[in-house]
Amino acid sequence: MVASLLIFGYGNPSRGDDALGPALLERIEAAMPAHPEWGEVALLTDFQLQPEHALDLEGRACVLFIDASVSCPAPFAFSRLAPVQEIGYTTHAMSPAALLAVCRQVTASEPPPACLLSVRGSSFELGEPISTAAQAHLEAALSFLQKWLANGWQGLD
């Protein structure tokens, strides 16, 4: 049996603020034992989205993707996703919307409702830690995510 909600944080922990997705996932994982009201939640992390991850979406009631972004407003942005068939996508540049389209194609059914939590980052240098500004954005995103989970994933529409 799969958990109803999948939270997928992705990014490279060795590239400064690119670690925001996995770092936020670690914080949620640490808080989960104190919050049974969040329900069935599965956590997944990887360096990047890959077509194989389409199978991880199967049977979910909802999927939340978490990633660092240089273009979202600070401290974070939350948006609903729809499947988008991207022509010529590569695994290196695969977006969550493209992964939803792959899920639709592979499973021959509609993918679960999905959202993207983009956390503002600015420093993505190899070997650097998460920047001070991005740490503050991470805390704001964590607060939002905890409320979102406690309220039964409100804000999908």
C-alpha atoms as a PDB file:
ATOM      1  CA  MET A   1       0.000   0.000   0.000  1.00  0.00           C
ATOM      2  CA  VAL A   2       1.354   3.420  -0.929  1.00  0.00           C
ATOM      3  CA  ALA A   3       1.047   6.542   1.201  1.00  0.00           C
ATOM      4  CA  SER A   4      -1.614   9.019   0.058  1.00  0.00           C
ATOM      5  CA  LEU A   5       0.786  11.956  -0.137  1.00  0.00           C
ATOM      6  CA  LEU A   6       4.226  11.867  -1.717  1.00  0.00           C
ATOM      7  CA  ILE A   7       6.589  14.736  -0.972  1.00  0.00           C
ATOM      8  CA  PHE A   8       9.492  14.705  -3.419  1.00  0.00           C
ATOM      9  CA  GLY A   9      12.393  17.028  -2.591  1.00  0.00           C
ATOM     10  CA  TYR A  10      15.083  17.141  -5.226  1.00  0.00           C
ATOM     11  CA  GLY A  11      18.382  18.924  -5.714  1.00  0.00           C
ATOM     12  CA  ASN A  12      22.103  18.445  -5.254  1.00  0.00           C
ATOM     13  CA  PRO A  13      23.192  18.664  -1.593  1.00  0.00           C
ATOM     14  CA  SER A  14      26.748  19.502  -2.772  1.00  0.00           C
ATOM     15  CA  ARG A  15      25.687  22.649  -4.641  1.00  0.00           C
ATOM     16  CA  GLY A  16      24.824  25.265  -2.062  1.00  0.00           C
ATOM     17  CA  ASP A  17      21.206  26.399  -2.279  1.00  0.00           C
ATOM     18  CA  ASP A  18      20.367  23.550  -4.666  1.00  0.00           C
ATOM     19  CA  ALA A  19      20.163  21.484  -1.454  1.00  0.00           C
ATOM     20  CA  LEU A  20      16.971  23.292  -0.360  1.00  0.00           C
ATOM     21  CA  GLY A  21      14.600  20.529  -1.569  1.00  0.00           C
ATOM     22  CA  PRO A  22      16.395  17.678   0.229  1.00  0.00           C
ATOM     23  CA  ALA A  23      17.037  19.880   3.295  1.00  0.00           C
ATOM     24  CA  LEU A  24      13.342  20.727   3.629  1.00  0.00           C
ATOM     25  CA  LEU A  25      12.503  17.049   3.260  1.00  0.00           C
ATOM     26  CA  GLU A  26      14.901  16.221   6.119  1.00  0.00           C
ATOM     27  CA  ARG A  27      13.170  18.781   8.328  1.00  0.00           C
ATOM     28  CA  ILE A  28       9.736  17.328   7.538  1.00  0.00           C
ATOM     29  CA  GLU A  29      10.980  13.807   8.214  1.00  0.00           C
ATOM     30  CA  ALA A  30      12.308  14.875  11.612  1.00  0.00           C
ATOM     31  CA  ALA A  31       8.950  16.493  12.494  1.00  0.00           C
ATOM     32  CA  MET A  32       6.723  13.634  11.297  1.00  0.00           C
ATOM     33  CA  PRO A  33       6.694  11.561  14.532  1.00  0.00           C
ATOM     34  CA  ALA A  34       5.182  14.513  16.428  1.00  0.00           C
ATOM     35  CA  HIS A  35       2.458  15.046  13.790  1.00  0.00           C
ATOM     36  CA  PRO A  36       0.286  11.961  13.213  1.00  0.00           C
ATOM     37  CA  GLU A  37      -2.442  14.326  11.990  1.00  0.00           C
ATOM     38  CA  TRP A  38      -0.467  14.742   8.766  1.00  0.00           C
ATOM     39  CA  GLY A  39      -1.644  11.280   7.738  1.00  0.00           C
ATOM     40  CA  GLU A  40       0.078   8.936   5.342  1.00  0.00           C
ATOM     41  CA  VAL A  41       3.092  10.762   3.944  1.00  0.00           C
ATOM     42  CA  ALA A  42       5.917   9.244   1.916  1.00  0.00           C
ATOM     43  CA  LEU A  43       9.158  11.120   1.346  1.00  0.00           C
ATOM     44  CA  LEU A  44      11.422  10.784  -1.674  1.00  0.00           C
ATOM     45  CA  THR A  45      14.601  12.598  -2.589  1.00  0.00           C
ATOM     46  CA  ASP A  46      16.945  12.532  -5.562  1.00  0.00           C
ATOM     47  CA  PHE A  47      19.380  14.814  -7.348  1.00  0.00           C
ATOM     48  CA  GLN A  48      16.956  15.382 -10.226  1.00  0.00           C
ATOM     49  CA  LEU A  49      13.671  14.190 -11.678  1.00  0.00           C
ATOM     50  CA  GLN A  50      13.917  11.181 -13.957  1.00  0.00           C
ATOM     51  CA  PRO A  51      11.320   9.383 -16.110  1.00  0.00           C
ATOM     52  CA  GLU A  52      11.512   6.392 -13.766  1.00  0.00           C
ATOM     53  CA  HIS A  53      10.016   8.541 -10.996  1.00  0.00           C
ATOM     54  CA  ALA A  54       6.675   8.417 -12.840  1.00  0.00           C
ATOM     55  CA  LEU A  55       6.087   5.062 -11.169  1.00  0.00           C
ATOM     56  CA  ASP A  56       6.540   6.671  -7.729  1.00  0.00           C
ATOM     57  CA  LEU A  57       3.471   8.830  -8.453  1.00  0.00           C
ATOM     58  CA  GLU A  58       1.206   5.884  -9.136  1.00  0.00           C
ATOM     59  CA  GLY A  59      -1.587   5.358  -6.592  1.00  0.00           C
ATOM     60  CA  ARG A  60      -1.028   8.671  -4.775  1.00  0.00           C
ATOM     61  CA  ALA A  61      -3.794  11.068  -3.796  1.00  0.00           C
ATOM     62  CA  CYS A  62      -1.396  14.019  -4.085  1.00  0.00           C
ATOM     63  CA  VAL A  63       2.235  14.804  -4.906  1.00  0.00           C
ATOM     64  CA  LEU A  64       4.219  17.798  -3.687  1.00  0.00           C
ATOM     65  CA  PHE A  65       7.494  18.586  -5.426  1.00  0.00           C
ATOM     66  CA  ILE A  66      10.055  20.746  -3.596  1.00  0.00           C
ATOM     67  CA  ASP A  67      12.949  22.421  -5.390  1.00  0.00           C
ATOM     68  CA  ALA A  68      15.239  25.418  -5.185  1.00  0.00           C
ATOM     69  CA  SER A  69      14.599  28.276  -7.609  1.00  0.00           C
ATOM     70  CA  VAL A  70      16.482  31.389  -8.649  1.00  0.00           C
ATOM     71  CA  SER A  71      13.406  32.922 -10.249  1.00  0.00           C
ATOM     72  CA  CYS A  72      10.615  32.558  -7.691  1.00  0.00           C
ATOM     73  CA  PRO A  73       9.851  35.413  -5.306  1.00  0.00           C
ATOM     74  CA  ALA A  74      11.465  35.201  -1.872  1.00  0.00           C
ATOM     75  CA  PRO A  75      11.003  33.324   0.342  1.00  0.00           C
ATOM     76  CA  PHE A  76       9.067  30.715  -1.705  1.00  0.00           C
ATOM     77  CA  ALA A  77       6.278  30.121  -4.208  1.00  0.00           C
ATOM     78  CA  PHE A  78       3.551  27.469  -4.143  1.00  0.00           C
ATOM     79  CA  SER A  79       1.733  26.520  -7.339  1.00  0.00           C
ATOM     80  CA  ARG A  80      -0.531  23.846  -8.778  1.00  0.00           C
ATOM     81  CA  LEU A  81       0.921  21.751 -11.582  1.00  0.00           C
ATOM     82  CA  ALA A  82      -0.592  20.254 -14.711  1.00  0.00           C
ATOM     83  CA  PRO A  83       0.989  17.651 -16.992  1.00  0.00           C
ATOM     84  CA  VAL A  84       2.965  19.189 -19.861  1.00  0.00           C
ATOM     85  CA  GLN A  85       4.444  17.111 -22.639  1.00  0.00           C
ATOM     86  CA  GLU A  86       7.888  18.601 -23.171  1.00  0.00           C
ATOM     87  CA  ILE A  87       9.406  17.941 -26.561  1.00  0.00           C
ATOM     88  CA  GLY A  88      12.967  16.734 -26.365  1.00  0.00           C
ATOM     89  CA  TYR A  89      13.250  16.799 -22.601  1.00  0.00           C
ATOM     90  CA  THR A  90      16.274  15.205 -21.021  1.00  0.00           C
ATOM     91  CA  THR A  91      16.542  13.717 -17.586  1.00  0.00           C
ATOM     92  CA  HIS A  92      18.819  16.589 -16.589  1.00  0.00           C
ATOM     93  CA  ALA A  93      16.200  19.233 -17.337  1.00  0.00           C
ATOM     94  CA  MET A  94      12.991  17.321 -16.585  1.00  0.00           C
ATOM     95  CA  SER A  95      10.349  19.446 -14.894  1.00  0.00           C
ATOM     96  CA  PRO A  96       7.666  18.209 -12.488  1.00  0.00           C
ATOM     97  CA  ALA A  97       5.033  18.974 -15.140  1.00  0.00           C
ATOM     98  CA  ALA A  98       6.919  16.786 -17.644  1.00  0.00           C
ATOM     99  CA  LEU A  99       7.118  13.999 -15.068  1.00  0.00           C
ATOM    100  CA  LEU A 100       3.332  14.198 -14.658  1.00  0.00           C
ATOM    101  CA  ALA A 101       2.980  13.806 -18.427  1.00  0.00           C
ATOM    102  CA  VAL A 102       5.276  10.771 -18.369  1.00  0.00           C
ATOM    103  CA  CYS A 103       3.164   9.333 -15.539  1.00  0.00           C
ATOM    104  CA  ARG A 104       0.040   9.792 -17.670  1.00  0.00           C
ATOM    105  CA  GLN A 105       1.715   8.088 -20.613  1.00  0.00           C
ATOM    106  CA  VAL A 106       3.172   5.169 -18.622  1.00  0.00           C
ATOM    107  CA  THR A 107       0.115   4.412 -16.490  1.00  0.00           C
ATOM    108  CA  ALA A 108      -2.527   5.292 -19.114  1.00  0.00           C
ATOM    109  CA  SER A 109      -4.389   7.250 -16.431  1.00  0.00           C
ATOM    110  CA  GLU A 110      -4.426  10.758 -15.032  1.00  0.00           C
ATOM    111  CA  PRO A 111      -1.579  11.547 -12.646  1.00  0.00           C
ATOM    112  CA  PRO A 112      -2.424  12.606  -9.104  1.00  0.00           C
ATOM    113  CA  PRO A 113      -3.012  16.275  -8.287  1.00  0.00           C
ATOM    114  CA  ALA A 114       0.389  17.888  -7.834  1.00  0.00           C
ATOM    115  CA  CYS A 115       1.939  21.097  -6.553  1.00  0.00           C
ATOM    116  CA  LEU A 116       5.378  22.649  -6.605  1.00  0.00           C
ATOM    117  CA  LEU A 117       6.934  24.396  -3.625  1.00  0.00           C
ATOM    118  CA  SER A 118       9.818  26.476  -5.008  1.00  0.00           C
ATOM    119  CA  VAL A 119      12.193  27.857  -2.383  1.00  0.00           C
ATOM    120  CA  ARG A 120      14.263  30.890  -3.348  1.00  0.00           C
ATOM    121  CA  GLY A 121      17.982  30.263  -3.644  1.00  0.00           C
ATOM    122  CA  SER A 122      20.797  32.341  -5.037  1.00  0.00           C
ATOM    123  CA  SER A 123      24.107  30.522  -4.506  1.00  0.00           C
ATOM    124  CA  PHE A 124      24.575  27.189  -6.274  1.00  0.00           C
ATOM    125  CA  GLU A 125      28.351  26.767  -6.183  1.00  0.00           C
ATOM    126  CA  LEU A 126      29.821  23.285  -5.862  1.00  0.00           C
ATOM    127  CA  GLY A 127      30.960  22.528  -2.328  1.00  0.00           C
ATOM    128  CA  GLU A 128      29.202  25.492  -0.724  1.00  0.00           C
ATOM    129  CA  PRO A 129      26.658  25.187   2.112  1.00  0.00           C
ATOM    130  CA  ILE A 130      23.143  26.585   1.907  1.00  0.00           C
ATOM    131  CA  SER A 131      23.427  30.382   2.035  1.00  0.00           C
ATOM    132  CA  THR A 132      22.212  32.427   4.998  1.00  0.00           C
ATOM    133  CA  ALA A 133      19.415  33.997   2.935  1.00  0.00           C
ATOM    134  CA  ALA A 134      18.292  30.593   1.659  1.00  0.00           C
ATOM    135  CA  GLN A 135      18.276  29.227   5.229  1.00  0.00           C
ATOM    136  CA  ALA A 136      15.748  31.937   6.125  1.00  0.00           C
ATOM    137  CA  HIS A 137      13.677  31.005   3.050  1.00  0.00           C
ATOM    138  CA  LEU A 138      13.857  27.360   4.120  1.00  0.00           C
ATOM    139  CA  GLU A 139      12.439  28.238   7.543  1.00  0.00           C
ATOM    140  CA  ALA A 140       9.554  30.170   5.965  1.00  0.00           C
ATOM    141  CA  ALA A 141       8.829  27.281   3.585  1.00  0.00           C
ATOM    142  CA  LEU A 142       8.951  24.805   6.483  1.00  0.00           C
ATOM    143  CA  SER A 143       6.392  26.834   8.434  1.00  0.00           C
ATOM    144  CA  PHE A 144       4.112  26.998   5.380  1.00  0.00           C
ATOM    145  CA  LEU A 145       4.503  23.272   4.688  1.00  0.00           C
ATOM    146  CA  GLN A 146       3.705  22.287   8.266  1.00  0.00           C
ATOM    147  CA  LYS A 147       0.484  24.331   8.121  1.00  0.00           C
ATOM    148  CA  TRP A 148      -0.365  22.884   4.696  1.00  0.00           C
ATOM    149  CA  LEU A 149       0.058  19.349   6.027  1.00  0.00           C
ATOM    150  CA  ALA A 150      -1.941  20.077   9.197  1.00  0.00           C
ATOM    151  CA  ASN A 151      -4.787  21.523   7.102  1.00  0.00           C
ATOM    152  CA  GLY A 152      -5.110  18.408   4.935  1.00  0.00           C
ATOM    153  CA  TRP A 153      -3.190  19.659   1.905  1.00  0.00           C
ATOM    154  CA  GLN A 154      -5.400  22.711   1.361  1.00  0.00           C
ATOM    155  CA  GLY A 155      -4.462  24.946  -1.527  1.00  0.00           C
ATOM    156  CA  LEU A 156      -4.505  22.475  -4.371  1.00  0.00           C
ATOM    157  CA  ASP A 157      -6.953  24.636  -6.312  1.00  0.00           C
END
